[in-house]
Amino acid sequence: MTLLEVDNLVKHFPVKGGFFTGGGVVRAVDGVSFRIEAGRTVGVVGESGCGKTTTAKVVLGLETPTSGTLRFEGADLQTLDAAGRRRYRRSVQAVFQDPFASLNPRMRVGAIITEPLVVHEQLGRGQVREHGLRLLDLVGLPERSIDLFPHEFSGGQRQRIAIARALAL
């Protein structure tokens, strides 16, 4: 079963011109297509500046495509209603290469990894901490990690925190 299908994805960014020059566009992504099947893991690899991050941002709904289609479980993401978009956001999580950049340095790890549950109202307040402890155990971090801040961890441990957050939903 195909979970996510991206067909001929294009994302261009307008560039303002100067007084004597007209504007132009940066072709960040031009004609990318791929499928992600249920139960599969996908890694995106390429040279610096080739459009990996822009593709991910479009798939996550953080950027709108210039053209192309994105389907999640057969439904066109561009035409989803509010409930469909919420369901999609709960189903798709990203783990970025540099976890420190995506971890709020002022939040404790427990709040970081359980934030998706609170935002999407998946659990009651009493259940959130217990679920956070289970997530830490799942990624091999000790229980005491729940009360620490991101800067108190190594790079590999911060990556595990980001993975725990992605697994929360």
N, C-alpha and C. Protein backbone atom coordinates (compact mmCIF):
# COMPACT_ATOMS: atom_id res chain seq x y z
N MET A 1 0.84 -1.18 0.00
CA MET A 1 0.00 0.00 0.00
C MET A 1 0.89 1.25 0.00
N THR A 2 0.59 2.19 -0.87
CA THR A 2 1.34 3.43 -0.94
C THR A 2 0.81 4.42 0.09
N LEU A 3 1.67 4.85 1.02
CA LEU A 3 1.28 5.85 2.00
C LEU A 3 1.39 7.25 1.43
N LEU A 4 2.53 7.54 0.82
CA LEU A 4 2.77 8.88 0.28
C LEU A 4 3.28 8.77 -1.14
N GLU A 5 2.66 9.54 -2.02
CA GLU A 5 3.09 9.58 -3.41
C GLU A 5 3.29 11.03 -3.81
N VAL A 6 4.48 11.33 -4.30
CA VAL A 6 4.82 12.67 -4.78
C VAL A 6 5.07 12.53 -6.27
N ASP A 7 4.36 13.33 -7.07
CA ASP A 7 4.46 13.22 -8.52
C ASP A 7 4.79 14.57 -9.14
N ASN A 8 5.96 14.63 -9.79
CA ASN A 8 6.40 15.81 -10.53
C ASN A 8 6.37 17.09 -9.67
N LEU A 9 6.91 17.00 -8.46
CA LEU A 9 6.93 18.13 -7.53
C LEU A 9 7.86 19.23 -8.04
N VAL A 10 7.34 20.45 -8.06
CA VAL A 10 8.11 21.62 -8.45
C VAL A 10 7.93 22.68 -7.38
N LYS A 11 9.04 23.29 -6.96
CA LYS A 11 8.99 24.41 -6.02
C LYS A 11 10.00 25.45 -6.47
N HIS A 12 9.49 26.62 -6.86
CA HIS A 12 10.33 27.74 -7.27
C HIS A 12 10.12 28.88 -6.28
N PHE A 13 11.18 29.62 -6.01
CA PHE A 13 11.11 30.79 -5.15
C PHE A 13 11.40 32.03 -5.98
N PRO A 14 10.54 33.06 -5.89
CA PRO A 14 10.82 34.29 -6.64
C PRO A 14 12.00 35.04 -6.04
N VAL A 15 12.77 35.68 -6.92
CA VAL A 15 13.91 36.50 -6.50
C VAL A 15 13.66 37.91 -7.01
N LYS A 16 13.75 38.87 -6.10
CA LYS A 16 13.56 40.27 -6.50
C LYS A 16 14.76 40.73 -7.31
N GLY A 17 14.46 41.51 -8.32
CA GLY A 17 15.53 42.06 -9.14
C GLY A 17 15.98 43.41 -8.60
N GLY A 18 17.08 43.88 -9.13
CA GLY A 18 17.58 45.20 -8.77
C GLY A 18 16.92 46.27 -9.63
N PHE A 19 17.44 47.48 -9.56
CA PHE A 19 16.88 48.60 -10.30
C PHE A 19 16.96 48.37 -11.80
N PHE A 20 18.08 47.80 -12.26
CA PHE A 20 18.28 47.60 -13.69
C PHE A 20 18.01 46.17 -14.16
N THR A 21 17.82 45.27 -13.21
CA THR A 21 17.60 43.88 -13.58
C THR A 21 16.21 43.43 -13.14
N GLY A 22 15.63 42.58 -13.92
CA GLY A 22 14.32 42.04 -13.56
C GLY A 22 14.47 40.93 -12.53
N GLY A 23 13.36 40.55 -11.96
CA GLY A 23 13.37 39.45 -11.00
C GLY A 23 13.51 38.12 -11.70
N GLY A 24 13.69 37.11 -10.95
CA GLY A 24 13.82 35.77 -11.50
C GLY A 24 13.27 34.76 -10.52
N VAL A 25 13.63 33.52 -10.71
CA VAL A 25 13.21 32.47 -9.80
C VAL A 25 14.39 31.56 -9.49
N VAL A 26 14.36 31.01 -8.29
CA VAL A 26 15.30 29.95 -7.92
C VAL A 26 14.52 28.65 -8.05
N ARG A 27 15.03 27.76 -8.86
CA ARG A 27 14.38 26.45 -9.06
C ARG A 27 14.91 25.50 -8.00
N ALA A 28 14.27 25.51 -6.84
CA ALA A 28 14.74 24.70 -5.71
C ALA A 28 14.47 23.21 -5.94
N VAL A 29 13.30 22.90 -6.46
CA VAL A 29 12.91 21.52 -6.76
C VAL A 29 12.25 21.53 -8.13
N ASP A 30 12.66 20.62 -8.98
CA ASP A 30 12.14 20.63 -10.35
C ASP A 30 11.84 19.22 -10.84
N GLY A 31 10.61 18.76 -10.66
CA GLY A 31 10.18 17.48 -11.20
C GLY A 31 10.55 16.26 -10.38
N VAL A 32 10.44 16.35 -9.06
CA VAL A 32 10.76 15.22 -8.19
C VAL A 32 9.54 14.32 -8.03
N SER A 33 9.75 13.02 -8.16
CA SER A 33 8.68 12.04 -7.97
C SER A 33 9.20 10.87 -7.14
N PHE A 34 8.39 10.38 -6.21
CA PHE A 34 8.74 9.20 -5.43
C PHE A 34 7.50 8.67 -4.73
N ARG A 35 7.61 7.43 -4.24
CA ARG A 35 6.54 6.78 -3.48
C ARG A 35 7.13 6.23 -2.19
N ILE A 36 6.35 6.29 -1.13
CA ILE A 36 6.74 5.65 0.13
C ILE A 36 5.67 4.63 0.45
N GLU A 37 6.08 3.37 0.50
CA GLU A 37 5.16 2.28 0.78
C GLU A 37 5.03 2.07 2.29
N ALA A 38 3.90 1.54 2.72
CA ALA A 38 3.66 1.26 4.14
C ALA A 38 4.75 0.34 4.67
N GLY A 39 5.23 0.64 5.87
CA GLY A 39 6.23 -0.19 6.52
C GLY A 39 7.65 0.02 6.04
N ARG A 40 7.87 0.98 5.17
CA ARG A 40 9.21 1.24 4.63
C ARG A 40 9.80 2.50 5.26
N THR A 41 11.11 2.55 5.30
CA THR A 41 11.84 3.72 5.77
C THR A 41 12.54 4.34 4.58
N VAL A 42 12.50 5.66 4.50
CA VAL A 42 13.09 6.35 3.36
C VAL A 42 14.09 7.39 3.84
N GLY A 43 15.24 7.42 3.21
CA GLY A 43 16.24 8.46 3.45
C GLY A 43 16.42 9.25 2.18
N VAL A 44 16.58 10.56 2.30
CA VAL A 44 16.78 11.41 1.13
C VAL A 44 18.24 11.85 1.14
N VAL A 45 18.94 11.55 0.04
CA VAL A 45 20.37 11.81 -0.06
C VAL A 45 20.64 12.62 -1.31
N GLY A 46 21.57 13.56 -1.22
CA GLY A 46 21.94 14.34 -2.40
C GLY A 46 22.95 15.41 -2.05
N GLU A 47 23.45 16.07 -3.07
CA GLU A 47 24.44 17.13 -2.88
C GLU A 47 23.82 18.31 -2.15
N SER A 48 24.67 19.11 -1.57
CA SER A 48 24.23 20.33 -0.92
C SER A 48 23.54 21.23 -1.95
N GLY A 49 22.38 21.75 -1.58
CA GLY A 49 21.66 22.66 -2.46
C GLY A 49 20.81 21.99 -3.53
N CYS A 50 20.64 20.67 -3.45
CA CYS A 50 19.89 19.98 -4.51
C CYS A 50 18.38 19.96 -4.28
N GLY A 51 17.91 20.43 -3.11
CA GLY A 51 16.47 20.50 -2.88
C GLY A 51 15.92 19.53 -1.87
N LYS A 52 16.78 18.84 -1.14
CA LYS A 52 16.31 17.86 -0.15
C LYS A 52 15.43 18.51 0.92
N THR A 53 15.92 19.59 1.51
CA THR A 53 15.17 20.25 2.58
C THR A 53 13.89 20.86 2.05
N THR A 54 13.94 21.47 0.88
CA THR A 54 12.73 22.06 0.30
C THR A 54 11.70 20.99 0.01
N THR A 55 12.13 19.85 -0.52
CA THR A 55 11.21 18.73 -0.76
C THR A 55 10.56 18.30 0.55
N ALA A 56 11.36 18.16 1.60
CA ALA A 56 10.82 17.76 2.91
C ALA A 56 9.83 18.79 3.43
N LYS A 57 10.14 20.06 3.28
CA LYS A 57 9.23 21.11 3.76
C LYS A 57 7.90 21.08 3.02
N VAL A 58 7.93 20.81 1.72
CA VAL A 58 6.67 20.71 0.96
C VAL A 58 5.88 19.50 1.43
N VAL A 59 6.55 18.36 1.59
CA VAL A 59 5.87 17.14 2.05
C VAL A 59 5.27 17.34 3.43
N LEU A 60 5.96 18.06 4.30
CA LEU A 60 5.46 18.32 5.66
C LEU A 60 4.39 19.40 5.70
N GLY A 61 4.18 20.08 4.58
CA GLY A 61 3.17 21.15 4.55
C GLY A 61 3.69 22.48 5.04
N LEU A 62 5.01 22.63 5.16
CA LEU A 62 5.60 23.89 5.61
C LEU A 62 5.81 24.86 4.46
N GLU A 63 5.81 24.34 3.24
CA GLU A 63 5.89 25.13 2.01
C GLU A 63 4.81 24.62 1.07
N THR A 64 4.32 25.49 0.20
CA THR A 64 3.34 25.06 -0.80
C THR A 64 4.07 24.80 -2.12
N PRO A 65 3.70 23.76 -2.83
CA PRO A 65 4.38 23.47 -4.09
C PRO A 65 3.99 24.48 -5.17
N THR A 66 4.90 24.72 -6.10
CA THR A 66 4.59 25.53 -7.27
C THR A 66 3.68 24.73 -8.18
N SER A 67 3.99 23.44 -8.33
CA SER A 67 3.13 22.52 -9.08
C SER A 67 3.48 21.10 -8.67
N GLY A 68 2.71 20.16 -9.19
CA GLY A 68 2.89 18.76 -8.84
C GLY A 68 1.80 18.30 -7.89
N THR A 69 1.76 17.01 -7.64
CA THR A 69 0.74 16.46 -6.74
C THR A 69 1.38 15.68 -5.61
N LEU A 70 0.74 15.76 -4.46
CA LEU A 70 1.14 14.99 -3.28
C LEU A 70 -0.10 14.27 -2.79
N ARG A 71 0.00 12.95 -2.65
CA ARG A 71 -1.13 12.16 -2.17
C ARG A 71 -0.73 11.38 -0.94
N PHE A 72 -1.59 11.41 0.08
CA PHE A 72 -1.38 10.64 1.29
C PHE A 72 -2.53 9.65 1.39
N GLU A 73 -2.20 8.36 1.39
CA GLU A 73 -3.20 7.30 1.38
C GLU A 73 -4.24 7.54 0.29
N GLY A 74 -3.76 8.01 -0.87
CA GLY A 74 -4.62 8.23 -2.03
C GLY A 74 -5.31 9.57 -2.09
N ALA A 75 -5.32 10.33 -1.00
CA ALA A 75 -6.01 11.62 -0.97
C ALA A 75 -5.04 12.74 -1.34
N ASP A 76 -5.48 13.63 -2.22
CA ASP A 76 -4.67 14.78 -2.65
C ASP A 76 -4.51 15.74 -1.48
N LEU A 77 -3.27 15.98 -1.06
CA LEU A 77 -3.02 16.85 0.10
C LEU A 77 -3.48 18.28 -0.13
N GLN A 78 -3.49 18.72 -1.37
CA GLN A 78 -3.89 20.10 -1.67
C GLN A 78 -5.39 20.33 -1.46
N THR A 79 -6.17 19.26 -1.49
CA THR A 79 -7.62 19.42 -1.38
C THR A 79 -8.20 18.91 -0.06
N LEU A 80 -7.32 18.55 0.90
CA LEU A 80 -7.82 18.05 2.19
C LEU A 80 -8.53 19.15 2.97
N ASP A 81 -9.59 18.76 3.66
CA ASP A 81 -10.25 19.70 4.56
C ASP A 81 -9.43 19.80 5.85
N ALA A 82 -9.87 20.63 6.79
CA ALA A 82 -9.11 20.86 8.03
C ALA A 82 -8.89 19.56 8.81
N ALA A 83 -9.91 18.72 8.90
CA ALA A 83 -9.78 17.46 9.63
C ALA A 83 -8.77 16.53 8.94
N GLY A 84 -8.78 16.51 7.63
CA GLY A 84 -7.84 15.69 6.88
C GLY A 84 -6.41 16.17 7.05
N ARG A 85 -6.22 17.50 7.07
CA ARG A 85 -4.87 18.05 7.29
C ARG A 85 -4.37 17.73 8.69
N ARG A 86 -5.25 17.77 9.70
CA ARG A 86 -4.85 17.41 11.07
C ARG A 86 -4.43 15.94 11.13
N ARG A 87 -5.20 15.08 10.49
CA ARG A 87 -4.86 13.65 10.47
C ARG A 87 -3.52 13.42 9.78
N TYR A 88 -3.29 14.13 8.68
CA TYR A 88 -2.01 14.01 7.97
C TYR A 88 -0.86 14.47 8.86
N ARG A 89 -1.01 15.61 9.53
CA ARG A 89 0.07 16.13 10.39
C ARG A 89 0.38 15.18 11.54
N ARG A 90 -0.64 14.49 12.04
CA ARG A 90 -0.39 13.50 13.10
C ARG A 90 0.35 12.28 12.56
N SER A 91 0.16 11.99 11.28
CA SER A 91 0.74 10.78 10.69
C SER A 91 2.15 10.96 10.16
N VAL A 92 2.57 12.19 9.90
CA VAL A 92 3.86 12.44 9.28
C VAL A 92 4.74 13.24 10.23
N GLN A 93 5.89 12.68 10.56
CA GLN A 93 6.84 13.35 11.45
C GLN A 93 8.22 13.31 10.79
N ALA A 94 9.02 14.34 11.04
CA ALA A 94 10.36 14.41 10.46
C ALA A 94 11.40 14.38 11.56
N VAL A 95 12.53 13.76 11.26
CA VAL A 95 13.70 13.80 12.14
C VAL A 95 14.81 14.44 11.31
N PHE A 96 15.18 15.65 11.67
CA PHE A 96 16.17 16.38 10.89
C PHE A 96 17.59 15.97 11.26
N GLN A 97 18.52 16.22 10.34
CA GLN A 97 19.90 15.80 10.49
C GLN A 97 20.56 16.44 11.71
N ASP A 98 20.27 17.71 11.98
CA ASP A 98 20.86 18.41 13.12
C ASP A 98 19.79 18.57 14.19
N PRO A 99 19.69 17.63 15.12
CA PRO A 99 18.61 17.70 16.10
C PRO A 99 18.69 18.91 17.02
N PHE A 100 19.90 19.41 17.27
CA PHE A 100 20.03 20.54 18.19
C PHE A 100 19.29 21.76 17.65
N ALA A 101 19.28 21.92 16.32
CA ALA A 101 18.59 23.05 15.71
C ALA A 101 17.08 22.95 15.86
N SER A 102 16.56 21.74 16.06
CA SER A 102 15.11 21.57 16.15
C SER A 102 14.62 21.36 17.58
N LEU A 103 15.54 21.39 18.56
CA LEU A 103 15.16 21.21 19.96
C LEU A 103 15.23 22.56 20.67
N ASN A 104 14.13 22.95 21.29
CA ASN A 104 14.09 24.22 22.01
C ASN A 104 15.00 24.14 23.23
N PRO A 105 16.05 24.97 23.30
CA PRO A 105 17.00 24.87 24.42
C PRO A 105 16.40 25.25 25.77
N ARG A 106 15.24 25.91 25.77
CA ARG A 106 14.61 26.32 27.03
C ARG A 106 13.57 25.33 27.53
N MET A 107 13.36 24.26 26.77
CA MET A 107 12.39 23.24 27.18
C MET A 107 13.12 22.01 27.70
N ARG A 108 12.55 21.40 28.72
CA ARG A 108 13.09 20.13 29.21
C ARG A 108 12.70 19.03 28.22
N VAL A 109 13.48 17.97 28.20
CA VAL A 109 13.27 16.87 27.25
C VAL A 109 11.86 16.30 27.36
N GLY A 110 11.34 16.17 28.56
CA GLY A 110 9.98 15.65 28.73
C GLY A 110 8.96 16.47 27.96
N ALA A 111 9.08 17.80 28.04
CA ALA A 111 8.15 18.67 27.31
C ALA A 111 8.37 18.58 25.81
N ILE A 112 9.62 18.45 25.39
CA ILE A 112 9.93 18.37 23.96
C ILE A 112 9.31 17.13 23.34
N ILE A 113 9.49 15.98 23.98
CA ILE A 113 9.02 14.74 23.34
C ILE A 113 7.52 14.52 23.48
N THR A 114 6.89 15.18 24.45
CA THR A 114 5.44 15.00 24.61
C THR A 114 4.63 16.14 24.01
N GLU A 115 5.30 17.17 23.51
CA GLU A 115 4.59 18.31 22.93
C GLU A 115 3.61 17.89 21.82
N PRO A 116 3.98 16.96 20.92
CA PRO A 116 3.01 16.56 19.89
C PRO A 116 1.73 15.97 20.49
N LEU A 117 1.84 15.27 21.60
CA LEU A 117 0.66 14.68 22.25
C LEU A 117 -0.25 15.76 22.80
N VAL A 118 0.35 16.81 23.35
CA VAL A 118 -0.43 17.91 23.91
C VAL A 118 -1.09 18.71 22.78
N VAL A 119 -0.31 19.03 21.74
CA VAL A 119 -0.83 19.81 20.62
C VAL A 119 -1.99 19.09 19.94
N HIS A 120 -1.85 17.79 19.75
CA HIS A 120 -2.89 17.01 19.07
C HIS A 120 -3.89 16.39 20.04
N GLU A 121 -3.79 16.76 21.31
CA GLU A 121 -4.74 16.32 22.34
C GLU A 121 -4.94 14.80 22.33
N GLN A 122 -3.83 14.07 22.30
CA GLN A 122 -3.90 12.61 22.25
C GLN A 122 -4.06 11.97 23.62
N LEU A 123 -3.51 12.62 24.67
CA LEU A 123 -3.55 12.04 26.01
C LEU A 123 -3.92 13.11 27.03
N GLY A 124 -4.46 12.65 28.15
CA GLY A 124 -4.73 13.56 29.26
C GLY A 124 -3.44 13.93 29.96
N ARG A 125 -3.46 15.00 30.75
CA ARG A 125 -2.25 15.49 31.42
C ARG A 125 -1.57 14.41 32.27
N GLY A 126 -2.35 13.59 32.95
CA GLY A 126 -1.77 12.57 33.81
C GLY A 126 -1.03 11.48 33.05
N GLN A 127 -1.41 11.26 31.82
CA GLN A 127 -0.80 10.20 31.02
C GLN A 127 0.44 10.66 30.26
N VAL A 128 0.61 11.97 30.12
CA VAL A 128 1.67 12.50 29.27
C VAL A 128 3.06 12.13 29.79
N ARG A 129 3.32 12.33 31.09
CA ARG A 129 4.65 12.03 31.63
C ARG A 129 4.97 10.54 31.49
N GLU A 130 4.00 9.69 31.79
CA GLU A 130 4.22 8.25 31.68
C GLU A 130 4.56 7.86 30.25
N HIS A 131 3.85 8.45 29.29
CA HIS A 131 4.13 8.16 27.88
C HIS A 131 5.53 8.67 27.51
N GLY A 132 5.91 9.84 28.04
CA GLY A 132 7.24 10.37 27.80
C GLY A 132 8.33 9.43 28.29
N LEU A 133 8.12 8.85 29.46
CA LEU A 133 9.08 7.89 30.00
C LEU A 133 9.18 6.64 29.12
N ARG A 134 8.05 6.19 28.59
CA ARG A 134 8.07 5.03 27.68
C ARG A 134 8.85 5.36 26.40
N LEU A 135 8.66 6.58 25.89
CA LEU A 135 9.38 6.99 24.68
C LEU A 135 10.89 7.03 24.93
N LEU A 136 11.29 7.57 26.08
CA LEU A 136 12.72 7.61 26.42
C LEU A 136 13.30 6.20 26.49
N ASP A 137 12.56 5.29 27.10
CA ASP A 137 13.01 3.90 27.19
C ASP A 137 13.13 3.29 25.80
N LEU A 138 12.18 3.59 24.94
CA LEU A 138 12.16 3.06 23.58
C LEU A 138 13.42 3.46 22.80
N VAL A 139 13.92 4.68 23.03
CA VAL A 139 15.10 5.14 22.30
C VAL A 139 16.39 4.97 23.10
N GLY A 140 16.30 4.29 24.25
CA GLY A 140 17.50 3.96 25.02
C GLY A 140 18.07 5.07 25.88
N LEU A 141 17.22 5.99 26.33
CA LEU A 141 17.67 7.05 27.24
C LEU A 141 17.11 6.79 28.63
N PRO A 142 17.88 7.09 29.68
CA PRO A 142 17.42 6.83 31.05
C PRO A 142 16.27 7.75 31.46
N GLU A 143 15.48 7.29 32.44
CA GLU A 143 14.32 8.06 32.91
C GLU A 143 14.68 9.47 33.35
N ARG A 144 15.84 9.64 33.97
CA ARG A 144 16.21 10.97 34.48
C ARG A 144 16.35 11.99 33.35
N SER A 145 16.46 11.53 32.11
CA SER A 145 16.58 12.42 30.95
C SER A 145 15.38 13.33 30.80
N ILE A 146 14.23 12.90 31.30
CA ILE A 146 12.98 13.63 31.12
C ILE A 146 13.04 15.04 31.72
N ASP A 147 13.89 15.24 32.74
CA ASP A 147 13.96 16.54 33.41
C ASP A 147 15.18 17.37 33.00
N LEU A 148 15.93 16.91 32.01
CA LEU A 148 17.13 17.62 31.57
C LEU A 148 16.85 18.48 30.34
N PHE A 149 17.81 19.35 30.01
CA PHE A 149 17.71 20.22 28.84
C PHE A 149 18.57 19.67 27.71
N PRO A 150 18.26 20.01 26.44
CA PRO A 150 18.99 19.45 25.30
C PRO A 150 20.51 19.62 25.37
N HIS A 151 21.01 20.74 25.89
CA HIS A 151 22.46 20.96 25.91
C HIS A 151 23.19 20.00 26.84
N GLU A 152 22.46 19.26 27.66
CA GLU A 152 23.07 18.32 28.59
C GLU A 152 23.30 16.93 27.97
N PHE A 153 23.08 16.81 26.66
CA PHE A 153 23.20 15.53 25.96
C PHE A 153 24.25 15.61 24.86
N SER A 154 24.76 14.46 24.48
CA SER A 154 25.68 14.37 23.34
C SER A 154 24.86 14.49 22.05
N GLY A 155 25.55 14.63 20.93
CA GLY A 155 24.86 14.73 19.64
C GLY A 155 24.00 13.51 19.34
N GLY A 156 24.53 12.32 19.63
CA GLY A 156 23.76 11.09 19.40
C GLY A 156 22.54 10.99 20.29
N GLN A 157 22.69 11.43 21.53
CA GLN A 157 21.54 11.41 22.44
C GLN A 157 20.48 12.42 22.00
N ARG A 158 20.91 13.58 21.50
CA ARG A 158 19.94 14.57 21.00
C ARG A 158 19.19 14.01 19.79
N GLN A 159 19.89 13.23 18.97
CA GLN A 159 19.22 12.59 17.82
C GLN A 159 18.15 11.64 18.33
N ARG A 160 18.43 10.92 19.40
CA ARG A 160 17.43 10.00 19.97
C ARG A 160 16.25 10.77 20.55
N ILE A 161 16.49 11.94 21.11
CA ILE A 161 15.39 12.78 21.61
C ILE A 161 14.49 13.17 20.45
N ALA A 162 15.10 13.57 19.32
CA ALA A 162 14.31 13.93 18.13
C ALA A 162 13.52 12.74 17.61
N ILE A 163 14.10 11.55 17.66
CA ILE A 163 13.40 10.34 17.23
C ILE A 163 12.24 10.04 18.17
N ALA A 164 12.45 10.19 19.48
CA ALA A 164 11.37 9.96 20.45
C ALA A 164 10.21 10.91 20.18
N ARG A 165 10.52 12.17 19.88
CA ARG A 165 9.46 13.14 19.58
C ARG A 165 8.69 12.72 18.33
N ALA A 166 9.41 12.25 17.31
CA ALA A 166 8.75 11.81 16.07
C ALA A 166 7.86 10.59 16.31
N LEU A 167 8.26 9.73 17.25
CA LEU A 167 7.48 8.53 17.55
C LEU A 167 6.30 8.79 18.49
N ALA A 168 6.23 9.98 19.06
CA ALA A 168 5.20 10.28 20.07
C ALA A 168 3.79 10.05 19.56
N LEU A 169 3.54 10.36 18.31
CA LEU A 169 2.19 10.19 17.78
C LEU A 169 2.03 8.84 17.13
